[in-house]
Every structure is written in structure tokens, then in C-alpha cells.
Protein backbone atom coordinates (compact mmCIF):
# COMPACT_ATOMS: atom_id res chain seq x y z
CA MET A 1 73.13 -74.04 -15.73
CA SER A 2 70.09 -73.67 -17.39
CA LYS A 3 69.37 -72.51 -20.95
CA ARG A 4 67.38 -69.60 -19.31
CA LYS A 5 70.33 -68.55 -17.35
CA ARG A 6 72.72 -68.61 -20.02
CA ASP A 7 70.42 -66.61 -22.54
CA ARG A 8 70.16 -64.11 -19.83
CA LEU A 9 74.21 -63.81 -18.77
CA GLU A 10 74.63 -63.70 -22.85
CA ARG A 11 72.56 -60.98 -23.18
CA THR A 12 73.98 -58.80 -20.24
CA LYS A 13 77.27 -59.55 -21.98
CA ASN A 14 76.30 -58.34 -25.37
CA LYS A 15 74.69 -55.06 -23.31
CA LYS A 16 78.27 -54.32 -21.88
CA ALA A 17 79.76 -54.90 -25.16
CA GLN A 18 77.52 -52.54 -26.75
CA GLY A 19 77.85 -49.76 -23.69
CA LEU A 20 74.33 -50.03 -22.24
CA PRO A 21 73.62 -50.56 -19.00
CA PRO A 22 72.11 -53.90 -17.41
CA ASP A 23 68.95 -52.94 -16.65
CA THR A 24 67.95 -51.92 -20.54
CA ASN A 25 65.43 -53.90 -22.14
CA VAL A 26 66.11 -54.19 -25.92
CA LYS A 27 63.86 -55.76 -28.21
CA ALA A 28 65.06 -55.76 -32.23
CA GLY A 29 63.26 -57.03 -35.25
CA ARG A 30 62.71 -57.13 -39.07
CA VAL A 31 59.38 -55.99 -40.54
CA SER A 32 58.32 -56.42 -44.22
CA LEU A 33 56.33 -53.95 -45.30
CA PRO A 34 53.54 -54.32 -48.36
CA ASN A 35 55.81 -52.81 -51.29
CA GLY A 36 58.38 -55.46 -50.36
CA GLN A 37 60.77 -53.58 -48.12
CA THR A 38 61.84 -54.57 -45.00
CA VAL A 39 62.55 -52.46 -41.97
CA ASP A 40 64.96 -52.99 -39.32
CA TYR A 41 63.97 -51.47 -36.10
CA VAL A 42 64.90 -51.58 -32.17
CA GLU A 43 62.90 -50.37 -29.06
CA MET A 44 64.52 -50.21 -25.76
CA PHE A 45 63.45 -49.04 -22.44
CA GLN A 46 65.33 -48.52 -19.19
CA GLY A 47 64.80 -48.29 -15.64
CA PRO A 48 62.29 -49.97 -13.29
CA LEU A 49 58.98 -49.40 -15.33
CA PRO A 50 58.47 -50.65 -18.80
CA PRO A 51 56.52 -48.40 -21.39
CA PRO A 52 52.85 -48.23 -20.97
CA GLU A 53 52.14 -50.72 -23.92
CA ILE A 54 54.02 -53.46 -21.99
CA PHE A 55 52.76 -52.40 -18.63
CA ALA A 56 49.26 -52.75 -19.46
CA ARG A 57 49.70 -56.08 -20.90
CA TYR A 58 50.87 -56.97 -16.88
CA GLU A 59 47.72 -56.23 -15.58
CA GLU A 60 45.71 -58.92 -17.81
CA ILE A 61 48.38 -61.58 -16.55
CA ASN A 62 47.34 -60.24 -12.72
CA PRO A 63 45.30 -57.38 -11.71
CA ARG A 64 47.39 -56.64 -8.35
CA ILE A 65 50.90 -56.52 -10.60
CA VAL A 66 50.89 -52.78 -11.33
CA ASP A 67 50.43 -51.86 -7.93
CA THR A 68 53.14 -54.10 -6.91
CA VAL A 69 55.73 -52.71 -9.60
CA LEU A 70 54.75 -49.31 -8.59
CA THR A 71 55.57 -49.84 -4.89
CA LEU A 72 58.80 -51.26 -5.93
CA ALA A 73 59.80 -48.42 -8.28
CA GLU A 74 58.37 -45.95 -5.29
CA ARG A 75 60.71 -47.94 -3.18
CA GLU A 76 63.49 -48.11 -5.06
CA GLN A 77 63.72 -44.24 -6.17
CA ALA A 78 63.61 -43.64 -1.85
CA HIS A 79 66.42 -45.60 -1.50
CA ALA A 80 68.65 -44.21 -4.31
CA HIS A 81 67.58 -40.49 -3.25
CA LYS A 82 68.66 -41.92 0.36
CA MET A 83 71.92 -43.09 -0.93
CA ASP A 84 72.51 -39.94 -3.10
CA GLU A 85 71.69 -37.75 0.42
CA GLN A 86 74.17 -39.84 2.34
CA ALA A 87 77.15 -39.95 -0.32
CA LEU A 88 76.67 -35.84 -0.54
CA LYS A 89 76.73 -35.62 3.42
CA ALA A 90 79.94 -37.72 3.50
CA HIS A 91 81.65 -35.92 0.96
CA SER A 92 80.93 -32.67 2.80
CA VAL A 93 82.22 -34.20 6.00
CA ALA A 94 85.34 -35.49 4.27
CA PHE A 95 86.01 -31.84 2.55
CA ARG A 96 85.61 -29.96 5.87
CA ARG A 97 87.91 -32.42 7.69
CA GLY A 98 90.25 -32.00 4.87
CA GLN A 99 90.19 -28.40 5.53
CA ALA A 100 90.67 -28.80 9.16
CA PHE A 101 93.65 -31.09 8.72
CA ALA A 102 95.38 -28.73 6.22
CA PHE A 103 94.70 -25.55 8.82
CA ILE A 104 96.46 -27.86 11.55
CA LEU A 105 99.54 -28.57 9.19
CA ALA A 106 99.66 -24.66 8.49
CA LEU A 107 99.93 -23.91 12.29
CA VAL A 108 102.28 -26.72 13.11
CA THR A 109 104.74 -25.77 10.08
CA ILE A 110 104.80 -22.00 11.00
CA GLY A 111 105.21 -22.94 14.91
CA VAL A 112 108.31 -25.35 14.23
CA THR A 113 109.55 -23.23 11.37
CA GLY A 114 109.40 -20.30 13.93
CA TYR A 115 111.15 -22.38 16.56
CA LEU A 116 113.91 -23.86 14.27
CA ALA A 117 114.56 -20.03 13.31
CA ALA A 118 114.61 -18.81 17.38
CA ILE A 119 117.31 -21.38 17.80
CA ASP A 120 119.15 -20.40 14.83
CA LYS A 121 118.69 -23.61 13.09
CA TYR A 122 118.06 -21.42 9.89
CA VAL A 123 118.58 -23.95 7.44
CA ALA A 124 116.32 -26.54 9.08
CA ALA A 125 114.02 -23.91 9.28
CA GLY A 126 113.88 -23.19 5.67
CA ILE A 127 113.81 -26.70 4.60
CA PHE A 128 110.75 -27.55 7.30
CA GLY A 129 109.26 -24.09 6.34
CA GLY A 130 109.54 -24.76 2.44
CA ALA A 131 107.93 -28.33 2.67
CA GLY A 132 104.84 -27.38 4.80
CA ILE A 133 104.33 -24.79 2.22
CA ALA A 134 104.99 -27.30 -0.33
CA ALA A 135 102.47 -29.68 0.86
CA LEU A 136 99.67 -26.86 1.20
CA ILE A 137 100.19 -25.19 -2.20
CA THR A 138 100.42 -28.76 -3.91
CA PRO A 139 96.83 -29.75 -3.95
CA PHE A 140 96.00 -26.47 -5.46
CA ILE A 141 98.64 -26.68 -8.29
CA ARG A 142 97.47 -29.93 -9.21
CA ASN A 143 93.56 -29.18 -9.26
CA ARG A 144 94.53 -26.28 -11.66
CA LEU A 145 96.76 -28.29 -13.93
CA PHE A 146 95.10 -31.57 -14.08
CA PRO A 147 91.14 -30.69 -13.49
CA ASN A 148 88.98 -33.73 -12.20
CA PRO A 149 87.45 -35.24 -15.84
CA PRO A 150 83.58 -34.28 -15.29
CA SER A 151 81.97 -37.68 -13.78
CA GLY A 152 79.43 -39.41 -16.54
CA SER A 153 76.72 -41.04 -15.34
CA PRO A 154 76.88 -44.96 -14.98
CA ASN A 155 73.78 -45.36 -17.28
CA ARG A 156 74.90 -43.40 -20.06
CA VAL A 157 74.75 -44.94 -23.15
CA ALA A 158 77.85 -45.31 -25.79
CA ALA A 159 78.22 -42.15 -28.37
CA PRO A 160 77.75 -43.81 -31.92
CA PRO A 161 81.21 -44.15 -33.96
CA ALA A 162 82.18 -41.34 -35.71
CA LYS A 163 81.48 -41.37 -39.60
CA LYS A 164 84.89 -41.95 -41.80
CA ASN A 165 86.00 -39.45 -44.73
CA GLY A 166 85.48 -36.33 -42.78
CA GLY A 167 81.66 -36.53 -41.82
CA LYS A 168 80.34 -36.91 -45.63
CA ASP A 169 78.49 -40.01 -46.75
CA ALA A 170 80.44 -41.77 -49.40
CA PRO A 171 78.17 -41.98 -52.85
């Protein structure tokens, strides 16, 4: 493996360890001020387009590269929108299908329970009817007791660690 690949792999691992998405570009450094103090800084950008200062330097390298990068970014955005649309449609279809199956299950449960009761199999009718009702009610109860956690964005940066000493700075 080349040194360049090893360095890139190491940077990706470091970003994952810091809770940053792999497409985040991070630059850190230290600047010495005229009064003798030093200041640490971190520059970070994420996404298909770099900050304007860096983007302007791209044009110095190749005048056509800016148009190419913008075209690629537009295509990536169109693709992301298309994927979101497809996921939303699939979710909607799955939801409707689940409702249809629940309705069919309810009708079958009522029919079989009624038939069992009509032929004087009251215990079997009670068990079958109870099991059918439990199967229909369980998802509603489960969703009330254990609601789904809010889905976080995959590009969410980890929160900074909490301060010790009750949030007060030590003297």
C-alpha cells in the first residue's frame, strides 16, 4: 500500500474516531501572533463543494475544473433527491401493505371465531379470537410504550463531552 493510501486511510479512521463523517475535510494548525502567543485553529468543511477561497484556487489550476465540480455537485444532489423520493415511496407502499394485511387478518379472525362459536367450540373461538385481537393490538401498544427514537442524520457531528464539576470551570 502506498504512503498516500495509508495517510488517507489513517485520516478516515481519525474522522470516524472523532465522530465526523468521512467526507469532512479538516485542516488544523498553529499560528504564532506578534505578541508571542500561539493560537490553535481548525478549519472544516463538508460536502461536495469546498469553501470559496479554496474553490477560487482550483480555477488557477484548470479553468474548466470549476464547471466540472459544479456539474458533479448538481448531479450528486439530483441523485440524492431521487433516492429520497424512492425511499419515501417504498415506505408509503410498505405502510399501505401493512394496513391491508392487518385488515385481512381482522376479517379472517372474525370469520373463524364466528364459525367456531357457531359450531359450539367456544373455548377454541375464545382462544383464536383473543390471539387475533392480541396480534392486531400488540403493534399499537408497543409503539406507545417504546416509541422509535428520532433518526439522526448520518452526517451529524458528535456533541462535545460534558464539563465536569457541574458545568463550572475550575479556578
